[in-house]
Amino acid sequence: MTGSARHLYVHLPFCAHRCGYCDFVTVVGRRGQHAAYVDGLLAELELERELLAPELETVFLGGGTPTFTKSSELERLLLALPPAAEVTVEANPETVTPALAKLLFRSGVNRVSLGAQTFQSRLLAVLDRVAGPDDVRASVENLRDVGFDNISLDLIYGIPGQKPSDLDADIDEALALRPEHLSCYELEAKPGTRFTHAHGEELRRQAEAMEGYFECVVETLVGAGYRWYETANFCRAADASVRDLRSRHNLAYWRGRDYLGLGIGAVSTVRGRRWRTTPRLGAYLAALSEGRRPLREYEQLPDSVQREEQVMLGLRLDEPLPFASVAASLDSDALARLERLGLARRVPLEDGGPPAPAGALTLTAQGRLLGDAVTADLLA
């Protein structure tokens, strides 16, 4: 049977240091193990290649800090991965030297996602970030110089000590760099981390300001000509007639497409089955060096769970969600109430299909600002 997964995620966990708010699967340093880890990734790819479709739409290297991986090993990995229409690499700005930018470009990468987070030096220190504002600007320049024309910047709001004027300044600084894409995330500090112990009271104060911050981000970026295509993601709209600048890889997640994940802690979802690979580096490398699949936790996804996920993820987008595919998981009374409140509406399918109510479901702009609360109500 031909593989169904057209999307490949590759986890590169290595970082120079661990930021206090981070809860991703990361490994600090370990440069002596970078080559062995790339060996493991390529061995795992061979074991799972039959799950992949003959042609891939996207490849995404996330982390960790993929660009902290030794350059020779990063290049070896990129050249060995299957080609795809969109190949994205996440990067921390301080790692994007002219040489690294050239390496990425000649290795087939055509999209880079930079973790800027904020342009305020005092807030970068709160986040334990190494790169400063000048590093972000230099990294964008280095990428442009070698030919990159699809750059995404990540920003975070709700940082302890952040003021509304700081967020305004961050957005202005980001827009001055003319990125094709922006991801703007609410800071999530996990309970029990050293970050929450150090900033607990300020985090609680910031939580009260999140709604205002979110509205500011949306209003400013839409006003600057960006399409608010997903709850936290924006792409330049002026280029829409020439090319679609949405993250094709992340769209696959939000649309419930099959994807294969490689590496420690990576998640895969293929044909109604989901698994997560062990986060333990030693166990991962040992298994693959012996030709075995690493330890994984498997979960079968019933149709009801897949429908609920389709609602939760699909309604984050600005495109209508086919109603018939999710109707069985919706609370009809809640939907009617949300329609009366102007938070949700049913529309004809974009392909000229049947009219509402058998068409599609979408949230209004106000409903999208309330996001998860509206979706939770629909699924109650």
Protein backbone atom coordinates (compact mmCIF):
# COMPACT_ATOMS: atom_id res chain seq x y z
CA MET A 1 0.00 0.00 0.00
CA THR A 2 1.33 3.46 -0.91
CA GLY A 3 2.14 5.62 2.10
CA SER A 4 -0.34 8.35 3.00
CA ALA A 5 1.84 10.84 4.87
CA ARG A 6 2.85 13.81 2.71
CA HIS A 7 4.29 15.76 5.63
CA LEU A 8 7.51 15.00 7.51
CA TYR A 9 8.61 16.50 10.82
CA VAL A 10 12.21 16.04 11.99
CA HIS A 11 13.11 16.89 15.59
CA LEU A 12 16.59 18.24 16.28
CA PRO A 13 16.71 18.65 20.07
CA PHE A 14 20.11 20.23 20.61
CA CYS A 15 20.35 23.72 22.12
CA ALA A 16 23.16 25.90 23.46
CA HIS A 17 21.12 26.30 26.66
CA ARG A 18 17.56 25.77 27.86
CA CYS A 19 15.28 28.80 28.15
CA GLY A 20 13.37 28.95 31.43
CA TYR A 21 9.89 28.87 29.86
CA CYS A 22 10.63 26.04 27.40
CA ASP A 23 8.94 22.64 27.81
CA PHE A 24 9.98 21.11 24.45
CA VAL A 25 12.14 18.01 24.26
CA THR A 26 15.63 19.53 24.25
CA VAL A 27 19.19 18.46 24.96
CA VAL A 28 21.82 21.02 25.96
CA GLY A 29 25.14 20.83 24.12
CA ARG A 30 26.13 17.20 23.40
CA ARG A 31 28.01 18.20 20.23
CA GLY A 32 29.80 14.88 20.34
CA GLN A 33 26.47 13.12 19.77
CA HIS A 34 25.20 15.20 16.84
CA ALA A 35 26.56 12.79 14.23
CA ALA A 36 25.13 9.75 16.00
CA TYR A 37 21.76 11.48 16.24
CA VAL A 38 21.68 12.24 12.51
CA ASP A 39 22.57 8.58 11.92
CA GLY A 40 19.60 7.66 14.11
CA LEU A 41 17.22 9.97 12.26
CA LEU A 42 18.22 8.54 8.89
CA ALA A 43 17.89 4.98 10.21
CA GLU A 44 14.43 5.77 11.56
CA LEU A 45 13.49 7.31 8.21
CA GLU A 46 14.41 4.08 6.44
CA LEU A 47 12.35 2.02 8.89
CA GLU A 48 9.28 4.22 8.31
CA ARG A 49 9.73 5.23 4.67
CA GLU A 50 6.78 3.09 3.57
CA LEU A 51 4.48 5.42 5.52
CA LEU A 52 5.47 8.36 3.33
CA ALA A 53 3.78 9.20 0.06
CA PRO A 54 5.97 9.06 -3.07
CA GLU A 55 6.03 12.86 -3.17
CA LEU A 56 6.06 15.04 -0.05
CA GLU A 57 4.42 18.42 0.32
CA THR A 58 6.40 19.59 3.36
CA VAL A 59 9.44 18.87 5.49
CA PHE A 60 9.88 20.76 8.78
CA LEU A 61 12.99 20.69 10.99
CA GLY A 62 12.06 21.81 14.49
CA GLY A 63 13.68 21.74 17.89
CA GLY A 64 15.42 22.47 20.04
CA THR A 65 17.50 24.68 17.86
CA PRO A 66 18.05 22.87 14.55
CA THR A 67 20.69 25.39 13.51
CA PHE A 68 22.72 24.67 16.66
CA THR A 69 23.34 21.18 15.25
CA LYS A 70 26.89 20.91 13.86
CA SER A 71 26.85 22.38 10.39
CA SER A 72 28.33 19.31 8.71
CA GLU A 73 25.68 17.08 10.28
CA LEU A 74 22.83 19.47 9.52
CA GLU A 75 23.88 19.58 5.87
CA ARG A 76 24.22 15.79 5.73
CA LEU A 77 20.71 15.43 7.12
CA LEU A 78 19.13 17.97 4.80
CA LEU A 79 20.66 16.41 1.71
CA ALA A 80 19.46 12.94 2.75
CA LEU A 81 15.84 13.88 3.43
CA PRO A 82 13.17 13.45 0.74
CA PRO A 83 12.55 16.60 -1.33
CA ALA A 84 9.40 18.60 -0.71
CA ALA A 85 7.67 21.70 -2.04
CA GLU A 86 8.14 23.47 1.30
CA VAL A 87 11.22 22.78 3.45
CA THR A 88 11.30 24.78 6.69
CA VAL A 89 14.05 25.04 9.29
CA GLU A 90 13.60 26.70 12.66
CA ALA A 91 16.53 28.87 13.74
CA ASN A 92 17.67 31.04 16.61
CA PRO A 93 18.94 34.38 15.27
CA GLU A 94 22.40 34.14 16.84
CA THR A 95 23.10 30.97 14.82
CA VAL A 96 22.30 32.42 11.40
CA THR A 97 25.72 33.46 10.13
CA PRO A 98 26.35 34.13 6.43
CA ALA A 99 27.87 30.64 6.17
CA LEU A 100 24.86 28.99 7.80
CA ALA A 101 22.46 30.89 5.54
CA LYS A 102 24.38 29.65 2.48
CA LEU A 103 24.35 26.07 3.82
CA LEU A 104 20.58 26.11 4.27
CA PHE A 105 19.92 27.59 0.85
CA ARG A 106 22.15 25.19 -1.07
CA SER A 107 20.68 22.23 0.87
CA GLY A 108 17.17 22.83 -0.42
CA VAL A 109 15.64 24.81 2.45
CA ASN A 110 13.20 27.43 1.13
CA ARG A 111 11.61 28.69 4.34
CA VAL A 112 13.21 29.74 7.66
CA SER A 113 11.37 30.39 10.91
CA LEU A 114 13.31 32.70 13.25
CA GLY A 115 12.65 32.83 16.98
CA ALA A 116 12.84 36.59 17.57
CA GLN A 117 10.36 36.51 20.54
CA THR A 118 10.83 40.21 21.40
CA PHE A 119 13.02 43.17 20.41
CA GLN A 120 13.27 44.47 23.99
CA SER A 121 16.63 43.56 25.55
CA ARG A 122 15.32 43.47 29.12
CA LEU A 123 12.51 41.10 28.10
CA LEU A 124 14.91 38.85 26.20
CA ALA A 125 16.86 38.53 29.45
CA VAL A 126 13.66 37.50 31.26
CA LEU A 127 13.15 34.77 28.64
CA ASP A 128 16.81 33.62 28.91
CA ARG A 129 17.27 34.33 25.21
CA VAL A 130 20.80 34.75 23.89
CA ALA A 131 20.07 36.70 20.69
CA GLY A 132 19.59 40.44 20.86
CA PRO A 133 17.59 42.69 18.51
CA ASP A 134 20.64 43.29 16.31
CA ASP A 135 21.07 39.52 15.92
CA VAL A 136 17.53 39.24 14.56
CA ARG A 137 18.14 42.00 12.03
CA ALA A 138 21.48 40.52 10.99
CA SER A 139 20.01 37.04 10.57
CA VAL A 140 17.25 38.33 8.31
CA GLU A 141 19.84 40.22 6.26
CA ASN A 142 22.03 37.12 5.99
CA LEU A 143 19.08 35.05 4.78
CA ARG A 144 17.98 37.70 2.26
CA ASP A 145 21.53 38.01 0.93
CA VAL A 146 21.62 34.36 -0.19
CA GLY A 147 18.15 34.43 -1.74
CA PHE A 148 15.59 33.48 0.92
CA ASP A 149 12.20 34.99 0.11
CA ASN A 150 10.09 33.20 2.72
CA ILE A 151 11.03 34.15 6.28
CA SER A 152 8.82 33.80 9.34
CA LEU A 153 9.36 35.59 12.66
CA ASP A 154 8.09 34.34 16.01
CA LEU A 155 6.97 36.88 18.62
CA ILE A 156 5.80 36.23 22.19
CA TYR A 157 3.49 38.43 24.24
CA GLY A 158 2.58 38.30 27.92
CA ILE A 159 6.23 38.27 29.03
CA PRO A 160 6.78 39.25 32.69
CA GLY A 161 7.47 42.97 32.74
CA GLN A 162 6.05 43.58 29.26
CA LYS A 163 3.94 46.70 28.73
CA PRO A 164 1.49 47.41 25.89
CA SER A 165 4.01 49.89 24.48
CA ASP A 166 6.61 47.09 24.37
CA LEU A 167 4.29 44.95 22.27
CA ASP A 168 3.58 47.87 19.95
CA ALA A 169 7.32 48.39 19.53
CA ASP A 170 7.91 44.68 18.88
CA ILE A 171 5.33 44.61 16.11
CA ASP A 172 6.78 47.76 14.55
CA GLU A 173 10.30 46.27 14.66
CA ALA A 174 9.06 43.02 13.12
CA LEU A 175 7.15 44.77 10.33
CA ALA A 176 10.22 46.85 9.48
CA LEU A 177 11.94 43.58 8.49
CA ARG A 178 9.10 42.76 6.06
CA PRO A 179 8.80 39.06 6.92
CA GLU A 180 6.54 36.99 4.71
CA HIS A 181 5.04 35.38 7.80
CA LEU A 182 4.58 36.16 11.50
CA SER A 183 3.65 33.84 14.37
CA CYS A 184 2.55 35.67 17.52
CA TYR A 185 2.14 33.47 20.59
CA GLU A 186 0.83 34.02 24.07
CA LEU A 187 3.54 33.06 26.57
CA GLU A 188 2.73 29.70 28.14
CA ALA A 189 4.72 28.99 31.29
CA LYS A 190 4.09 25.47 32.49
CA PRO A 191 3.25 25.00 36.19
CA GLY A 192 6.17 23.78 38.26
CA THR A 193 8.89 25.16 35.98
CA ARG A 194 11.59 27.45 37.37
CA PHE A 195 10.10 30.18 35.21
CA THR A 196 6.75 30.08 37.01
CA HIS A 197 8.50 30.03 40.40
CA ALA A 198 10.51 33.10 39.46
CA HIS A 199 7.70 35.08 37.79
CA GLY A 200 4.47 33.61 39.14
CA GLU A 201 2.86 36.82 40.36
CA GLU A 202 3.75 38.79 37.24
CA LEU A 203 2.51 35.95 35.03
CA ARG A 204 -0.85 36.11 36.79
CA ARG A 205 -0.99 39.85 36.16
CA GLN A 206 -0.08 39.39 32.52
CA ALA A 207 -2.79 36.75 32.10
CA GLU A 208 -5.38 39.47 32.68
CA ALA A 209 -3.92 41.51 29.81
CA MET A 210 -3.72 38.69 27.26
CA GLU A 211 -7.04 39.42 25.56
CA GLY A 212 -6.04 43.02 24.96
CA TYR A 213 -2.63 41.99 23.66
CA PHE A 214 -4.21 39.49 21.28
CA GLU A 215 -6.63 42.05 19.87
CA CYS A 216 -3.75 44.49 19.41
CA VAL A 217 -1.70 41.93 17.48
CA VAL A 218 -4.60 41.04 15.18
CA GLU A 219 -5.69 44.62 14.53
CA THR A 220 -2.17 45.89 13.85
CA LEU A 221 -1.04 43.07 11.57
CA VAL A 222 -4.26 42.94 9.58
CA GLY A 223 -4.03 46.72 9.20
CA ALA A 224 -0.47 46.27 7.90
CA GLY A 225 -1.66 43.95 5.12
CA TYR A 226 -1.24 40.54 6.69
CA ARG A 227 -3.81 37.76 6.47
CA TRP A 228 -4.91 36.42 9.87
CA TYR A 229 -5.24 32.89 8.59
CA GLU A 230 -4.86 31.00 11.90
CA THR A 231 -5.33 32.02 15.51
CA ALA A 232 -1.65 32.91 16.06
CA ASN A 233 -0.39 33.09 12.47
CA PHE A 234 -0.29 35.78 9.81
CA CYS A 235 1.08 35.92 6.26
CA ARG A 236 1.52 38.72 3.79
CA ALA A 237 -1.74 39.03 1.88
CA ALA A 238 -0.44 41.18 -0.96
CA ASP A 239 1.38 38.19 -2.44
CA ALA A 240 -1.69 35.93 -2.41
CA SER A 241 -2.26 36.11 -6.18
CA VAL A 242 1.33 35.01 -6.81
CA ARG A 243 1.97 32.51 -4.01
CA ASP A 244 0.40 31.28 -0.79
CA LEU A 245 2.62 32.28 2.13
CA ARG A 246 0.78 30.32 4.79
CA SER A 247 2.83 27.63 6.54
CA ARG A 248 1.89 24.59 4.48
CA HIS A 249 3.31 22.24 7.09
CA ASN A 250 1.29 23.65 9.96
CA LEU A 251 -1.80 23.79 7.76
CA ALA A 252 -1.46 20.02 7.45
CA TYR A 253 -1.74 19.69 11.25
CA TRP A 254 -4.72 22.03 11.45
CA ARG A 255 -6.50 20.22 8.62
CA GLY A 256 -5.94 16.79 10.19
CA ARG A 257 -3.60 15.43 7.51
CA ASP A 258 -1.34 12.42 8.10
CA TYR A 259 2.25 13.24 9.07
CA LEU A 260 5.35 11.33 10.13
CA GLY A 261 7.60 12.59 12.93
CA LEU A 262 11.22 11.51 13.36
CA GLY A 263 13.44 11.97 16.40
CA ILE A 264 13.14 11.99 20.17
CA GLY A 265 9.77 13.16 21.45
CA ALA A 266 8.38 13.40 17.91
CA VAL A 267 4.69 12.70 17.29
CA SER A 268 3.24 10.96 14.22
CA THR A 269 -0.36 10.54 13.12
CA VAL A 270 -0.98 8.11 10.28
CA ARG A 271 -4.24 6.40 9.27
CA GLY A 272 -6.03 6.98 12.57
CA ARG A 273 -3.09 5.95 14.74
CA ARG A 274 -0.87 8.31 16.76
CA TRP A 275 2.42 7.63 18.45
CA ARG A 276 5.03 9.56 20.38
CA THR A 277 8.67 8.49 20.38
CA THR A 278 10.66 8.27 23.60
CA PRO A 279 12.22 11.58 24.69
CA ARG A 280 15.31 9.76 26.00
CA LEU A 281 18.28 10.33 23.71
CA GLY A 282 20.28 7.31 24.87
CA ALA A 283 17.41 4.86 24.45
CA TYR A 284 16.59 6.32 21.02
CA LEU A 285 20.15 5.98 19.72
CA ALA A 286 20.63 2.50 21.18
CA ALA A 287 17.51 1.10 19.52
CA LEU A 288 18.26 2.51 16.09
CA SER A 289 21.92 1.47 16.19
CA GLU A 290 20.59 -2.08 16.51
CA GLY A 291 18.11 -1.65 13.65
CA ARG A 292 15.09 -1.48 15.96
CA ARG A 293 12.35 1.12 16.19
CA PRO A 294 12.74 3.28 19.32
CA LEU A 295 10.30 2.93 22.21
CA ARG A 296 6.96 4.61 21.47
CA GLU A 297 3.58 5.22 23.05
CA TYR A 298 0.76 4.30 20.65
CA GLU A 299 -2.84 5.52 20.60
CA GLN A 300 -5.67 4.49 18.32
CA LEU A 301 -7.86 7.45 17.38
CA PRO A 302 -11.60 6.64 17.21
CA ASP A 303 -13.69 8.51 14.66
CA SER A 304 -15.21 10.62 17.44
CA VAL A 305 -11.79 11.81 18.60
CA GLN A 306 -10.73 12.63 15.04
CA ARG A 307 -13.89 14.67 14.53
CA GLU A 308 -13.36 16.59 17.76
CA GLU A 309 -9.78 17.35 16.80
CA GLN A 310 -11.00 18.47 13.38
CA VAL A 311 -13.29 20.98 15.10
CA MET A 312 -10.67 22.20 17.61
CA LEU A 313 -7.96 22.65 14.99
CA GLY A 314 -10.03 23.47 11.91
CA LEU A 315 -11.89 26.35 13.56
CA ARG A 316 -8.55 28.03 14.28
CA LEU A 317 -8.37 28.75 10.54
CA ASP A 318 -10.06 31.48 8.55
CA GLU A 319 -11.36 28.91 6.04
CA PRO A 320 -14.77 27.22 6.46
CA LEU A 321 -14.90 23.72 7.96
CA PRO A 322 -17.12 21.26 6.04
CA PHE A 323 -20.16 20.86 8.28
CA ALA A 324 -21.12 17.31 7.42
CA SER A 325 -17.74 15.92 8.50
CA VAL A 326 -18.05 17.26 12.08
CA ALA A 327 -21.79 17.64 12.70
CA ALA A 328 -21.98 14.50 14.87
CA SER A 329 -19.58 16.05 17.39
CA LEU A 330 -21.30 19.42 17.69
CA ASP A 331 -23.81 20.56 20.29
CA SER A 332 -26.64 21.86 18.08
CA ASP A 333 -28.08 24.06 20.85
CA ALA A 334 -24.67 25.61 21.48
CA LEU A 335 -24.20 26.21 17.77
CA ALA A 336 -27.56 27.96 17.49
CA ARG A 337 -26.70 30.13 20.51
CA LEU A 338 -23.27 31.04 19.09
CA GLU A 339 -24.89 31.95 15.77
CA ARG A 340 -27.36 34.26 17.55
CA LEU A 341 -24.45 35.89 19.40
CA GLY A 342 -22.61 36.50 16.13
CA LEU A 343 -19.68 34.22 17.05
CA ALA A 344 -20.23 31.41 14.52
CA ARG A 345 -22.00 31.07 11.19
CA ARG A 346 -22.77 28.47 8.54
CA VAL A 347 -21.87 29.27 4.94
CA PRO A 348 -21.97 27.56 1.54
CA LEU A 349 -18.99 25.40 0.71
CA GLU A 350 -16.35 27.32 -1.24
CA ASP A 351 -16.39 24.76 -4.05
CA GLY A 352 -20.00 25.54 -4.88
CA GLY A 353 -21.42 22.71 -2.80
CA PRO A 354 -24.75 22.64 -0.99
CA PRO A 355 -25.88 25.78 0.85
CA ALA A 356 -26.07 26.15 4.62
CA PRO A 357 -26.82 24.39 6.91
CA ALA A 358 -25.32 21.45 5.02
CA GLY A 359 -22.39 23.56 3.86
CA ALA A 360 -19.57 24.69 6.14
CA LEU A 361 -18.97 26.15 9.59
CA THR A 362 -16.77 29.11 10.43
CA LEU A 363 -16.19 31.47 13.32
CA THR A 364 -16.73 35.18 12.89
CA ALA A 365 -13.87 37.59 13.63
CA GLN A 366 -15.20 38.07 17.17
CA GLY A 367 -15.60 34.32 17.58
CA ARG A 368 -11.98 33.80 16.53
CA LEU A 369 -10.82 36.31 19.14
CA LEU A 370 -12.56 34.18 21.77
CA GLY A 371 -11.19 31.06 20.06
CA ASP A 372 -10.83 28.10 22.38
CA ALA A 373 -13.78 29.11 24.59
CA VAL A 374 -16.15 29.11 21.61
CA THR A 375 -14.82 25.78 20.35
CA ALA A 376 -15.15 24.20 23.80
CA ASP A 377 -18.76 25.36 23.92
CA LEU A 378 -19.47 23.77 20.54
CA LEU A 379 -18.09 20.43 21.69
CA ALA A 380 -19.77 20.37 25.11
